[in-house]
Amino acid sequence: MKQSEDAPPVATDRPTTRIRVLPHPALCPDGLEFDARAGRELVDELLAHGVAIEHACEKVGACATCHVHVRDGAQGLAPPDDDEEDQLGDAWGLDAQSRLSCCVRVRGPSLVIELPRYTKNHAREA
């Protein structure tokens, strides 16, 4: 896996987090690794690096289409708040590692992200 060639450069004045996206048949077939700026929303970093994750509510935490599984590194993230927990109840394939990527601020040395096969609205059934 390599860093996306079309991704914007990472600012060096802020800490970075190494993000590894596991392979997904439609959104990221080969998987992807990149450095993300700490403090940014995970959904914005995924989009900036070419992962076309859905975000039907325009990233305000109201739809659960940007649902991801944080397979490693969750201990470095702030826990979900009540609003995120409420929306997660509508996500497809919910598990104990589920988060809304629009509610996750990138932190910590690394994150491993798995994209669900389907989204709540099933618009993309890869």
Protein backbone atom coordinates (compact mmCIF):
# COMPACT_ATOMS: atom_id res chain seq x y z
CA MET A 1 0.00 0.00 0.00
CA LYS A 2 1.17 3.52 -0.71
CA GLN A 3 0.16 7.07 -0.06
CA SER A 4 -2.33 8.46 -2.56
CA GLU A 5 -0.51 10.39 -5.30
CA ASP A 6 -3.37 12.91 -5.66
CA ALA A 7 -3.63 13.64 -1.95
CA PRO A 8 -2.79 17.07 -0.62
CA PRO A 9 0.51 17.35 1.23
CA VAL A 10 0.34 16.91 4.98
CA ALA A 11 1.26 19.98 7.01
CA THR A 12 4.32 19.37 9.13
CA ASP A 13 3.46 21.83 11.91
CA ARG A 14 0.86 19.44 13.40
CA PRO A 15 1.26 15.87 14.54
CA THR A 16 0.23 13.25 12.03
CA THR A 17 -1.58 9.95 12.31
CA ARG A 18 -0.80 7.06 9.97
CA ILE A 19 -4.10 5.77 8.61
CA ARG A 20 -4.41 2.37 6.98
CA VAL A 21 -7.65 1.66 5.15
CA LEU A 22 -8.25 -2.05 4.66
CA PRO A 23 -9.20 -3.20 1.15
CA HIS A 24 -12.85 -2.66 0.16
CA PRO A 25 -14.11 -4.08 -3.15
CA ALA A 26 -15.54 -0.79 -4.46
CA LEU A 27 -14.16 2.12 -2.46
CA CYS A 28 -10.54 1.06 -1.95
CA PRO A 29 -9.78 -2.28 -3.70
CA ASP A 30 -6.05 -2.29 -2.90
CA GLY A 31 -6.29 -0.69 0.52
CA LEU A 32 -4.50 2.56 1.26
CA GLU A 33 -2.07 4.10 3.73
CA PHE A 34 -1.54 7.80 4.28
CA ASP A 35 -0.54 10.35 6.90
CA ALA A 36 -3.38 12.51 8.19
CA ARG A 37 -3.24 15.74 10.13
CA ALA A 38 -4.22 15.31 13.75
CA GLY A 39 -7.42 17.11 14.66
CA ARG A 40 -9.11 16.79 11.28
CA GLU A 41 -12.29 14.77 10.83
CA LEU A 42 -11.65 11.25 9.58
CA VAL A 43 -14.25 11.62 6.81
CA ASP A 44 -12.39 14.66 5.41
CA GLU A 45 -9.07 12.82 5.42
CA LEU A 46 -10.62 9.78 3.68
CA LEU A 47 -12.19 11.99 1.02
CA ALA A 48 -8.97 14.00 0.56
CA HIS A 49 -7.09 10.77 -0.12
CA GLY A 50 -9.50 9.47 -2.74
CA VAL A 51 -11.79 7.23 -0.66
CA ALA A 52 -15.31 8.11 -1.84
CA ILE A 53 -17.04 7.42 1.47
CA GLU A 54 -20.69 8.42 1.56
CA HIS A 55 -21.72 11.38 3.69
CA ALA A 56 -25.37 12.02 2.84
CA CYS A 57 -25.93 14.53 5.65
CA GLU A 58 -22.92 16.61 4.55
CA LYS A 59 -20.85 15.50 7.55
CA VAL A 60 -23.04 16.70 10.41
CA GLY A 61 -23.53 13.31 12.10
CA ALA A 62 -27.17 12.89 11.14
CA CYS A 63 -27.28 9.94 8.73
CA ALA A 64 -24.78 7.12 9.54
CA THR A 65 -23.71 6.73 5.89
CA CYS A 66 -20.09 7.51 6.78
CA HIS A 67 -19.96 4.59 9.22
CA VAL A 68 -16.57 2.87 9.57
CA HIS A 69 -15.04 0.21 11.79
CA VAL A 70 -11.94 1.33 13.71
CA ARG A 71 -10.03 -1.96 13.80
CA ASP A 72 -6.97 -0.58 15.58
CA GLY A 73 -6.06 2.70 17.27
CA ALA A 74 -9.44 3.48 18.84
CA GLN A 75 -7.82 3.92 22.25
CA GLY A 76 -6.32 7.19 20.98
CA LEU A 77 -9.70 8.62 19.94
CA ALA A 78 -12.24 10.51 21.98
CA PRO A 79 -15.22 8.27 22.79
CA PRO A 80 -18.45 8.75 20.83
CA ASP A 81 -20.90 11.25 22.31
CA ASP A 82 -24.61 10.57 22.78
CA ASP A 83 -25.57 12.01 19.37
CA GLU A 84 -23.07 9.78 17.56
CA GLU A 85 -24.24 6.75 19.56
CA ASP A 86 -27.86 7.49 18.57
CA GLN A 87 -26.98 7.69 14.87
CA LEU A 88 -24.81 4.57 14.99
CA GLY A 89 -27.93 2.61 15.86
CA ASP A 90 -29.01 3.12 12.23
CA ALA A 91 -25.73 1.95 10.67
CA TRP A 92 -25.50 -1.27 8.66
CA GLY A 93 -23.21 -3.91 10.17
CA LEU A 94 -22.81 -2.18 13.52
CA ASP A 95 -20.23 -3.63 15.90
CA ALA A 96 -18.32 -2.55 19.01
CA GLN A 97 -15.70 -0.81 16.83
CA SER A 98 -18.20 1.22 14.79
CA ARG A 99 -17.84 4.98 14.51
CA LEU A 100 -19.17 7.73 12.26
CA SER A 101 -16.17 9.07 10.39
CA CYS A 102 -17.63 12.60 10.47
CA CYS A 103 -17.54 12.47 14.29
CA VAL A 104 -14.00 11.11 14.66
CA ARG A 105 -11.16 13.59 15.07
CA VAL A 106 -7.92 12.00 13.90
CA ARG A 107 -5.56 11.40 16.85
CA GLY A 108 -2.89 8.99 17.96
CA PRO A 109 0.02 7.38 16.14
CA SER A 110 -2.08 5.18 13.84
CA LEU A 111 -5.57 4.04 12.90
CA VAL A 112 -6.71 0.98 10.97
CA ILE A 113 -10.06 1.56 9.28
CA GLU A 114 -12.40 -0.95 7.68
CA LEU A 115 -15.17 0.34 5.43
CA PRO A 116 -18.46 -1.57 5.71
CA ARG A 117 -19.58 -3.44 2.63
CA TYR A 118 -22.92 -1.60 2.60
CA THR A 119 -24.23 1.71 3.85
CA LYS A 120 -27.49 2.55 5.56
CA ASN A 121 -29.07 3.69 2.29
CA HIS A 122 -27.65 0.75 0.28
CA ALA A 123 -26.85 3.15 -2.60
CA ARG A 124 -23.50 1.44 -3.00
CA GLU A 125 -23.75 -2.33 -2.80
CA ALA A 126 -20.28 -3.54 -3.76
